[in-house]
Amino acid sequence: MKTNLKHQLLLSLLFACSALSGRFQAFAEDHEHHHHETSLATPDPATVSTDSVFNITDSWTAADGKTFQLGQLGGKPTVVAMVYTSCQYVCPLTVQNIKRIERALPAAQAGKVNFALFSFDPQRDTPAKLAEFAKLHAITSPSWVLAQGSESAVRKLAVTLGIKYKKVQSGDYEHDATISILDSKGVVRFQSNAMNKDIHDATEALKALLH
């Protein structure tokens, strides 16, 4: 009698563990799918403004502490991405792909392009933190600028570029991963998924703006 009771208890315990395991796996898959959707979204041309980004007149602070307005990037094509330095995967990969685009340009053209990273995270990405991030990613060229702005400035830039983002409870950000190429007047001429390892189309779009 005692042996049968032990068997029944053991079977009940195994059934409960199996059910919990299934629920956890379903939650994890759902969470992963949600993260994938928010972080790796394909740029939607319909959400991108045809207005010049340079119409945004907010001040930004670069990693060297100097302030500037977006219009000061005018006169050259600009490769733009929005990132935050605490990001562990998407943003570092975005930076590496922009550097690949830079390296794909002929040496004579590389200096005729701006490369700009704008932070989603105005609280944590101080100029010192941006400088540390630049050093970590071996960004030394004067063609690059890393900048922080107010929450309002970040929101205006993201809307103009058609980039969705939101701050989550941990303080991190869920965001589209997008590389945008602006012409010399600040209008978006090309966008690609920043996770796309194929940089050919982005490089060709940039070269076309240099002719």
C-alpha atoms as a PDB file:
ATOM      1  CA  MET A   1       0.000   0.000   0.000  1.00  0.00           C
ATOM      2  CA  LYS A   2       2.822   2.388   0.954  1.00  0.00           C
ATOM      3  CA  THR A   3       4.719   1.449  -2.233  1.00  0.00           C
ATOM      4  CA  ASN A   4       1.684   2.318  -4.418  1.00  0.00           C
ATOM      5  CA  LEU A   5       1.289   5.663  -2.672  1.00  0.00           C
ATOM      6  CA  LYS A   6       4.967   6.506  -3.275  1.00  0.00           C
ATOM      7  CA  HIS A   7       4.579   5.632  -6.962  1.00  0.00           C
ATOM      8  CA  GLN A   8       1.504   7.872  -7.248  1.00  0.00           C
ATOM      9  CA  LEU A   9       3.343  10.784  -5.581  1.00  0.00           C
ATOM     10  CA  LEU A  10       6.374  10.311  -7.837  1.00  0.00           C
ATOM     11  CA  LEU A  11       4.206  10.279 -10.971  1.00  0.00           C
ATOM     12  CA  SER A  12       2.384  13.424  -9.831  1.00  0.00           C
ATOM     13  CA  LEU A  13       5.693  15.202  -9.219  1.00  0.00           C
ATOM     14  CA  LEU A  14       7.045  14.229 -12.646  1.00  0.00           C
ATOM     15  CA  PHE A  15       3.844  15.434 -14.327  1.00  0.00           C
ATOM     16  CA  ALA A  16       4.009  18.791 -12.528  1.00  0.00           C
ATOM     17  CA  CYS A  17       7.664  19.337 -13.490  1.00  0.00           C
ATOM     18  CA  SER A  18       6.928  18.478 -17.104  1.00  0.00           C
ATOM     19  CA  ALA A  19       4.044  20.978 -17.225  1.00  0.00           C
ATOM     20  CA  LEU A  20       6.164  23.751 -15.689  1.00  0.00           C
ATOM     21  CA  SER A  21       8.999  23.046 -18.091  1.00  0.00           C
ATOM     22  CA  GLY A  22       6.629  23.354 -21.048  1.00  0.00           C
ATOM     23  CA  ARG A  23       5.233  26.645 -19.775  1.00  0.00           C
ATOM     24  CA  PHE A  24       8.725  28.073 -19.198  1.00  0.00           C
ATOM     25  CA  GLN A  25       9.829  27.069 -22.691  1.00  0.00           C
ATOM     26  CA  ALA A  26       6.732  28.679 -24.221  1.00  0.00           C
ATOM     27  CA  PHE A  27       7.416  31.897 -22.262  1.00  0.00           C
ATOM     28  CA  ALA A  28      11.071  31.938 -23.313  1.00  0.00           C
ATOM     29  CA  GLU A  29      10.193  31.412 -26.976  1.00  0.00           C
ATOM     30  CA  ASP A  30       7.577  34.160 -26.814  1.00  0.00           C
ATOM     31  CA  HIS A  31      10.030  36.535 -25.092  1.00  0.00           C
ATOM     32  CA  GLU A  32      12.753  35.785 -27.640  1.00  0.00           C
ATOM     33  CA  HIS A  33      10.324  36.336 -30.499  1.00  0.00           C
ATOM     34  CA  HIS A  34       9.236  39.665 -29.007  1.00  0.00           C
ATOM     35  CA  HIS A  35      12.859  40.806 -28.580  1.00  0.00           C
ATOM     36  CA  HIS A  36      13.632  39.782 -32.157  1.00  0.00           C
ATOM     37  CA  GLU A  37      10.719  41.804 -33.490  1.00  0.00           C
ATOM     38  CA  THR A  38      11.580  44.964 -31.601  1.00  0.00           C
ATOM     39  CA  SER A  39      15.326  44.936 -32.134  1.00  0.00           C
ATOM     40  CA  LEU A  40      15.712  43.701 -35.661  1.00  0.00           C
ATOM     41  CA  ALA A  41      12.831  45.363 -37.430  1.00  0.00           C
ATOM     42  CA  THR A  42      13.243  45.982 -41.123  1.00  0.00           C
ATOM     43  CA  PRO A  43      13.093  49.706 -41.901  1.00  0.00           C
ATOM     44  CA  ASP A  44       9.695  50.761 -43.212  1.00  0.00           C
ATOM     45  CA  PRO A  45      10.076  53.522 -45.848  1.00  0.00           C
ATOM     46  CA  ALA A  46       6.500  54.645 -45.142  1.00  0.00           C
ATOM     47  CA  THR A  47       7.491  55.770 -41.636  1.00  0.00           C
ATOM     48  CA  VAL A  48      10.486  57.845 -42.739  1.00  0.00           C
ATOM     49  CA  SER A  49       9.995  61.569 -43.121  1.00  0.00           C
ATOM     50  CA  THR A  50      11.064  63.191 -46.369  1.00  0.00           C
ATOM     51  CA  ASP A  51      11.979  66.283 -44.364  1.00  0.00           C
ATOM     52  CA  SER A  52      15.611  67.052 -43.745  1.00  0.00           C
ATOM     53  CA  VAL A  53      16.966  65.809 -40.443  1.00  0.00           C
ATOM     54  CA  PHE A  54      18.794  69.131 -40.346  1.00  0.00           C
ATOM     55  CA  ASN A  55      15.478  70.885 -39.679  1.00  0.00           C
ATOM     56  CA  ILE A  56      15.780  69.596 -36.108  1.00  0.00           C
ATOM     57  CA  THR A  57      17.436  72.460 -34.273  1.00  0.00           C
ATOM     58  CA  ASP A  58      18.111  70.841 -30.882  1.00  0.00           C
ATOM     59  CA  SER A  59      21.640  70.932 -29.532  1.00  0.00           C
ATOM     60  CA  TRP A  60      23.630  67.710 -29.149  1.00  0.00           C
ATOM     61  CA  THR A  61      26.767  67.137 -27.094  1.00  0.00           C
ATOM     62  CA  ALA A  62      29.593  65.157 -28.672  1.00  0.00           C
ATOM     63  CA  ALA A  63      32.017  62.833 -26.895  1.00  0.00           C
ATOM     64  CA  ASP A  64      34.561  65.667 -26.686  1.00  0.00           C
ATOM     65  CA  GLY A  65      32.031  67.813 -24.811  1.00  0.00           C
ATOM     66  CA  LYS A  66      31.401  70.232 -27.683  1.00  0.00           C
ATOM     67  CA  THR A  67      27.812  71.052 -28.611  1.00  0.00           C
ATOM     68  CA  PHE A  68      26.500  71.149 -32.145  1.00  0.00           C
ATOM     69  CA  GLN A  69      23.333  71.083 -34.202  1.00  0.00           C
ATOM     70  CA  LEU A  70      22.535  68.464 -36.803  1.00  0.00           C
ATOM     71  CA  GLY A  71      22.742  71.057 -39.577  1.00  0.00           C
ATOM     72  CA  GLN A  72      26.486  71.274 -38.955  1.00  0.00           C
ATOM     73  CA  LEU A  73      26.800  67.820 -40.524  1.00  0.00           C
ATOM     74  CA  GLY A  74      25.604  69.290 -43.822  1.00  0.00           C
ATOM     75  CA  GLY A  75      27.668  69.407 -46.986  1.00  0.00           C
ATOM     76  CA  LYS A  76      28.553  65.700 -46.851  1.00  0.00           C
ATOM     77  CA  PRO A  77      26.556  62.471 -46.871  1.00  0.00           C
ATOM     78  CA  THR A  78      26.129  61.124 -43.338  1.00  0.00           C
ATOM     79  CA  VAL A  79      25.768  57.532 -42.185  1.00  0.00           C
ATOM     80  CA  VAL A  80      23.580  57.587 -39.064  1.00  0.00           C
ATOM     81  CA  ALA A  81      22.576  55.053 -36.421  1.00  0.00           C
ATOM     82  CA  MET A  82      20.873  55.395 -33.050  1.00  0.00           C
ATOM     83  CA  VAL A  83      22.463  53.253 -30.348  1.00  0.00           C
ATOM     84  CA  TYR A  84      23.140  53.177 -26.608  1.00  0.00           C
ATOM     85  CA  THR A  85      26.467  52.229 -25.092  1.00  0.00           C
ATOM     86  CA  SER A  86      25.122  49.737 -22.535  1.00  0.00           C
ATOM     87  CA  CYS A  87      23.713  47.599 -25.351  1.00  0.00           C
ATOM     88  CA  GLN A  88      25.470  44.254 -25.378  1.00  0.00           C
ATOM     89  CA  TYR A  89      24.722  42.916 -28.849  1.00  0.00           C
ATOM     90  CA  VAL A  90      22.698  44.918 -31.384  1.00  0.00           C
ATOM     91  CA  CYS A  91      24.471  48.274 -31.028  1.00  0.00           C
ATOM     92  CA  PRO A  92      28.064  46.947 -31.090  1.00  0.00           C
ATOM     93  CA  LEU A  93      27.179  44.966 -34.214  1.00  0.00           C
ATOM     94  CA  THR A  94      25.619  48.090 -35.748  1.00  0.00           C
ATOM     95  CA  VAL A  95      28.867  49.970 -35.159  1.00  0.00           C
ATOM     96  CA  GLN A  96      30.911  47.175 -36.706  1.00  0.00           C
ATOM     97  CA  ASN A  97      28.708  47.155 -39.810  1.00  0.00           C
ATOM     98  CA  ILE A  98      29.058  50.931 -40.209  1.00  0.00           C
ATOM     99  CA  LYS A  99      32.818  50.528 -39.936  1.00  0.00           C
ATOM    100  CA  ARG A 100      32.621  47.891 -42.679  1.00  0.00           C
ATOM    101  CA  ILE A 101      30.775  50.414 -44.865  1.00  0.00           C
ATOM    102  CA  GLU A 102      33.514  52.965 -44.142  1.00  0.00           C
ATOM    103  CA  ARG A 103      36.249  50.488 -45.047  1.00  0.00           C
ATOM    104  CA  ALA A 104      34.443  49.599 -48.306  1.00  0.00           C
ATOM    105  CA  LEU A 105      34.838  53.161 -49.547  1.00  0.00           C
ATOM    106  CA  PRO A 106      37.892  54.158 -51.581  1.00  0.00           C
ATOM    107  CA  ALA A 107      40.358  56.039 -49.390  1.00  0.00           C
ATOM    108  CA  ALA A 108      39.739  59.239 -51.342  1.00  0.00           C
ATOM    109  CA  GLN A 109      36.009  59.087 -50.519  1.00  0.00           C
ATOM    110  CA  ALA A 110      36.113  57.951 -46.885  1.00  0.00           C
ATOM    111  CA  GLY A 111      36.979  61.462 -45.685  1.00  0.00           C
ATOM    112  CA  LYS A 112      34.021  62.927 -47.544  1.00  0.00           C
ATOM    113  CA  VAL A 113      31.444  61.169 -45.351  1.00  0.00           C
ATOM    114  CA  ASN A 114      30.235  61.784 -41.789  1.00  0.00           C
ATOM    115  CA  PHE A 115      29.579  58.790 -39.539  1.00  0.00           C
ATOM    116  CA  ALA A 116      27.269  59.684 -36.655  1.00  0.00           C
ATOM    117  CA  LEU A 117      26.019  57.683 -33.667  1.00  0.00           C
ATOM    118  CA  PHE A 118      23.230  59.241 -31.588  1.00  0.00           C
ATOM    119  CA  SER A 119      22.405  57.799 -28.191  1.00  0.00           C
ATOM    120  CA  PHE A 120      18.934  56.705 -27.110  1.00  0.00           C
ATOM    121  CA  ASP A 121      20.082  57.024 -23.498  1.00  0.00           C
ATOM    122  CA  PRO A 122      20.598  60.654 -22.394  1.00  0.00           C
ATOM    123  CA  GLN A 123      20.904  59.714 -18.698  1.00  0.00           C
ATOM    124  CA  ARG A 124      23.713  57.165 -18.910  1.00  0.00           C
ATOM    125  CA  ASP A 125      25.519  58.100 -22.129  1.00  0.00           C
ATOM    126  CA  THR A 126      27.484  61.086 -20.910  1.00  0.00           C
ATOM    127  CA  PRO A 127      30.250  62.496 -23.141  1.00  0.00           C
ATOM    128  CA  ALA A 128      32.771  60.529 -21.071  1.00  0.00           C
ATOM    129  CA  LYS A 129      30.783  57.317 -21.602  1.00  0.00           C
ATOM    130  CA  LEU A 130      30.578  58.018 -25.329  1.00  0.00           C
ATOM    131  CA  ALA A 131      34.348  58.586 -25.455  1.00  0.00           C
ATOM    132  CA  GLU A 132      34.866  55.277 -23.655  1.00  0.00           C
ATOM    133  CA  PHE A 133      32.554  53.552 -26.157  1.00  0.00           C
ATOM    134  CA  ALA A 134      34.498  55.085 -29.075  1.00  0.00           C
ATOM    135  CA  LYS A 135      37.771  53.825 -27.615  1.00  0.00           C
ATOM    136  CA  LEU A 136      36.307  50.362 -27.072  1.00  0.00           C
ATOM    137  CA  HIS A 137      35.335  50.187 -30.748  1.00  0.00           C
ATOM    138  CA  ALA A 138      38.558  51.763 -32.052  1.00  0.00           C
ATOM    139  CA  ILE A 139      36.738  54.797 -33.432  1.00  0.00           C
ATOM    140  CA  THR A 140      39.474  57.372 -33.940  1.00  0.00           C
ATOM    141  CA  SER A 141      38.655  59.028 -37.270  1.00  0.00           C
ATOM    142  CA  PRO A 142      37.574  62.698 -37.146  1.00  0.00           C
ATOM    143  CA  SER A 143      34.814  61.717 -39.596  1.00  0.00           C
ATOM    144  CA  TRP A 144      32.949  60.104 -36.692  1.00  0.00           C
ATOM    145  CA  VAL A 145      30.770  61.805 -34.103  1.00  0.00           C
ATOM    146  CA  LEU A 146      29.088  60.202 -31.085  1.00  0.00           C
ATOM    147  CA  ALA A 147      26.504  62.361 -29.380  1.00  0.00           C
ATOM    148  CA  GLN A 148      23.920  62.605 -26.652  1.00  0.00           C
ATOM    149  CA  GLY A 149      20.858  64.861 -26.651  1.00  0.00           C
ATOM    150  CA  SER A 150      17.811  65.580 -24.549  1.00  0.00           C
ATOM    151  CA  GLU A 151      14.914  63.118 -24.463  1.00  0.00           C
ATOM    152  CA  SER A 152      13.008  65.491 -26.737  1.00  0.00           C
ATOM    153  CA  ALA A 153      15.873  65.687 -29.241  1.00  0.00           C
ATOM    154  CA  VAL A 154      16.202  61.893 -29.276  1.00  0.00           C
ATOM    155  CA  ARG A 155      12.468  61.515 -29.894  1.00  0.00           C
ATOM    156  CA  LYS A 156      12.443  64.043 -32.767  1.00  0.00           C
ATOM    157  CA  LEU A 157      15.417  62.399 -34.476  1.00  0.00           C
ATOM    158  CA  ALA A 158      13.923  58.909 -34.081  1.00  0.00           C
ATOM    159  CA  VAL A 159      10.585  60.046 -35.535  1.00  0.00           C
ATOM    160  CA  THR A 160      12.282  61.684 -38.509  1.00  0.00           C
ATOM    161  CA  LEU A 161      14.325  58.552 -39.167  1.00  0.00           C
ATOM    162  CA  GLY A 162      11.303  56.283 -38.631  1.00  0.00           C
ATOM    163  CA  ILE A 163      12.964  54.449 -35.749  1.00  0.00           C
ATOM    164  CA  LYS A 164      10.847  52.911 -32.979  1.00  0.00           C
ATOM    165  CA  TYR A 165      12.273  52.582 -29.488  1.00  0.00           C
ATOM    166  CA  LYS A 166      11.191  52.378 -25.880  1.00  0.00           C
ATOM    167  CA  LYS A 167      12.892  52.318 -22.517  1.00  0.00           C
ATOM    168  CA  VAL A 168      12.216  49.170 -20.508  1.00  0.00           C
ATOM    169  CA  GLN A 169      12.163  48.665 -16.747  1.00  0.00           C
ATOM    170  CA  SER A 170      15.827  47.616 -16.571  1.00  0.00           C
ATOM    171  CA  GLY A 171      16.869  50.979 -18.014  1.00  0.00           C
ATOM    172  CA  ASP A 172      17.826  49.406 -21.344  1.00  0.00           C
ATOM    173  CA  TYR A 173      16.101  50.110 -24.648  1.00  0.00           C
ATOM    174  CA  GLU A 174      14.189  48.039 -27.150  1.00  0.00           C
ATOM    175  CA  HIS A 175      14.728  49.623 -30.536  1.00  0.00           C
ATOM    176  CA  ASP A 176      14.848  49.194 -34.267  1.00  0.00           C
ATOM    177  CA  ALA A 177      18.295  48.441 -35.588  1.00  0.00           C
ATOM    178  CA  THR A 178      18.654  50.702 -38.583  1.00  0.00           C
ATOM    179  CA  ILE A 179      21.472  52.285 -40.530  1.00  0.00           C
ATOM    180  CA  SER A 180      20.357  55.424 -42.368  1.00  0.00           C
ATOM    181  CA  ILE A 181      22.236  57.242 -45.099  1.00  0.00           C
ATOM    182  CA  LEU A 182      21.488  60.945 -45.441  1.00  0.00           C
ATOM    183  CA  ASP A 183      22.393  63.096 -48.394  1.00  0.00           C
ATOM    184  CA  SER A 184      24.372  66.307 -47.927  1.00  0.00           C
ATOM    185  CA  LYS A 185      21.117  68.167 -47.142  1.00  0.00           C
ATOM    186  CA  GLY A 186      20.080  65.754 -44.397  1.00  0.00           C
ATOM    187  CA  VAL A 187      17.349  63.856 -46.246  1.00  0.00           C
ATOM    188  CA  VAL A 188      17.204  60.068 -45.779  1.00  0.00           C
ATOM    189  CA  ARG A 189      18.175  58.421 -49.067  1.00  0.00           C
ATOM    190  CA  PHE A 190      18.743  54.832 -47.963  1.00  0.00           C
ATOM    191  CA  GLN A 191      18.070  52.621 -44.951  1.00  0.00           C
ATOM    192  CA  SER A 192      19.025  49.059 -44.130  1.00  0.00           C
ATOM    193  CA  ASN A 193      18.662  46.641 -41.269  1.00  0.00           C
ATOM    194  CA  ALA A 194      21.763  47.190 -39.161  1.00  0.00           C
ATOM    195  CA  MET A 195      22.057  43.444 -38.551  1.00  0.00           C
ATOM    196  CA  ASN A 196      22.393  42.728 -42.254  1.00  0.00           C
ATOM    197  CA  LYS A 197      25.929  41.531 -42.912  1.00  0.00           C
ATOM    198  CA  ASP A 198      25.570  42.347 -46.609  1.00  0.00           C
ATOM    199  CA  ILE A 199      26.664  45.984 -46.837  1.00  0.00           C
ATOM    200  CA  HIS A 200      26.817  46.112 -50.639  1.00  0.00           C
ATOM    201  CA  ASP A 201      23.577  48.053 -51.167  1.00  0.00           C
ATOM    202  CA  ALA A 202      24.392  50.535 -48.403  1.00  0.00           C
ATOM    203  CA  THR A 203      27.884  51.101 -49.771  1.00  0.00           C
ATOM    204  CA  GLU A 204      26.603  51.606 -53.303  1.00  0.00           C
ATOM    205  CA  ALA A 205      23.940  54.061 -52.084  1.00  0.00           C
ATOM    206  CA  LEU A 206      26.638  56.024 -50.293  1.00  0.00           C
ATOM    207  CA  LYS A 207      28.955  56.036 -53.298  1.00  0.00           C
ATOM    208  CA  ALA A 208      26.106  57.324 -55.481  1.00  0.00           C
ATOM    209  CA  LEU A 209      25.732  60.320 -53.168  1.00  0.00           C
ATOM    210  CA  LEU A 210      29.442  61.087 -53.515  1.00  0.00           C
ATOM    211  CA  HIS A 211      29.287  61.499 -57.305  1.00  0.00           C
END
